[in-house]
C-alpha cells in the first residue's frame, strides 16, 4: 500500500504549482501558421502597421514585432474620471513569424530560423485558414485547416524531439554512467518528458499533471510544445457574417480532443482589414447592418491572458497607468514594478476594487462603504485592483 498523504494543516491552503513558462512580464506572443493563411494581414490589423502582406510564401522573413495596447473599459473609465496628463495602458507584444512548412524542423522553407523565432516567444496565436480564394495560393494545394493544424503541431513536436535527445545524452553521461547522482532526478524527469513527447507523440502542455520538480525542469528548457496556444480561424467575410463554415465544427472537435481547454476564435482578417479604412460611424453602421462584431479586443485580451499576465492600476490627475504583473504576484513585488524603492521599503498597499470605485463614484465613497482596504506583504494582487502603495524611503548611506 502506498503511504497516505497527510492532509494540509487547518488554515493552510495547498501550495499552488509554479507556472510553466519564462518568468517575467516582458513576454511575447507569436503569430504562427502555414504560409498564406493571413498572418501578416492580421498582424497589420493588430498593429495598424504595414508589414509586407504579399501573396507568396515566406514574404515575412524577419519577425515583425509590435506592441499592441490592451483595450480595457476600466482603463478608459479611469482616464475619463481623472482626465490625467499621461495615460499608459498595458501592452501585448506581438511577433509576426514567417510561415512554417512541412519539414521546417529539418530546415525546409526557412525552417530553422522560424523555429528559433517561435522559441523566443512565450505563447502562440496559431492561425489557420478556412477560406477559399483562388487568388491566394495554399502551400499544401488545398484548404484543410485540420490538416494544417496537424502539420504545425508535428513540426513543433519534432523540433522538441531534436532538443530533448542531446539533453538526455548529456545527463546520462553525468548522472547514470558518471558519478554525479545529484542530476539523477533531472535525468528521470527528462526521460518522462521524452516518453511523452517522442514515444507518445504529444505536446508538453497536453499533460495536465506535471509536478513542481518537473515544471522546474520544463522551465529550464522552455520547449516549443509547452507554450500555450490560441487557435485563430481565418474565415471569409461571407462566412464570418453568417457565422457558418464547414470547418469550424471539425476544428473545435480536433482541439477539444487534442488540446482541451484551448481557445478557438473564429474571425475574418478581411473584415478587420475593412474596418481600418472606415470612420467610427461607418464601422458602427457596418456592424449593425450585418449583426456582427470585431474580434480584435477578444483576441488581444486572450493573448494577454495566455501569457499569464494581468495588471493593476495607479490612478490620479497626473497619470492613469496599467502596470503589468505575472498572475499570483504579491503586493511588494507589484510595488517593485513602479520602483525598486517601493519594494524595498514596502509598508502596505491601499487597495480598492475597480467595481467598488465605479459604483461609489469617488475614493471617499469607497472608504465610507468600508471597501478601501489596507493590505500587507502577503496580499496577492488581483487583476484590475486600483492601488496606492505606502513605503519608507531606504536610508542613503552616510558620507564619510
Foldseek 3Di string as FASTA:
>chain_A
DDDDDDDDPPPDDPDDADDFWDADFLAAEEEAFAAQQCLQLVVCLQAVNCQPNDQDAPSDADKDKDWGFADDVLLVVLCVQQVAPAEAGDTHIYIYAGGDDQCLLVCPPNRPSRLVVLLRHQAYAYEAEQEDDPVRADPVRDHDRVVRVVRVLLSLLVNVLVVLVVVLVVLCVPCPVHDPVVCVVVNVLSVVVCCVRPVVVAAPCQDDDDGNVSSVSCNVPVRSSNHHYAYEYAYAPVCQLVVDGPCPVVVVVVCCVRPNPHHYHYAHSVLSSVVSPDDPVVNVVVCVVSVHDHCSSVVRVVSSVSSQKAWEWEGHRHYTYTQIHHQQAWDLVSLVSVPVQCNVFFDWKFKAASVLCVVQVHPVSCVVVVRGDTGDRRHGDDHHIHIDTDGDGDDDDDDD
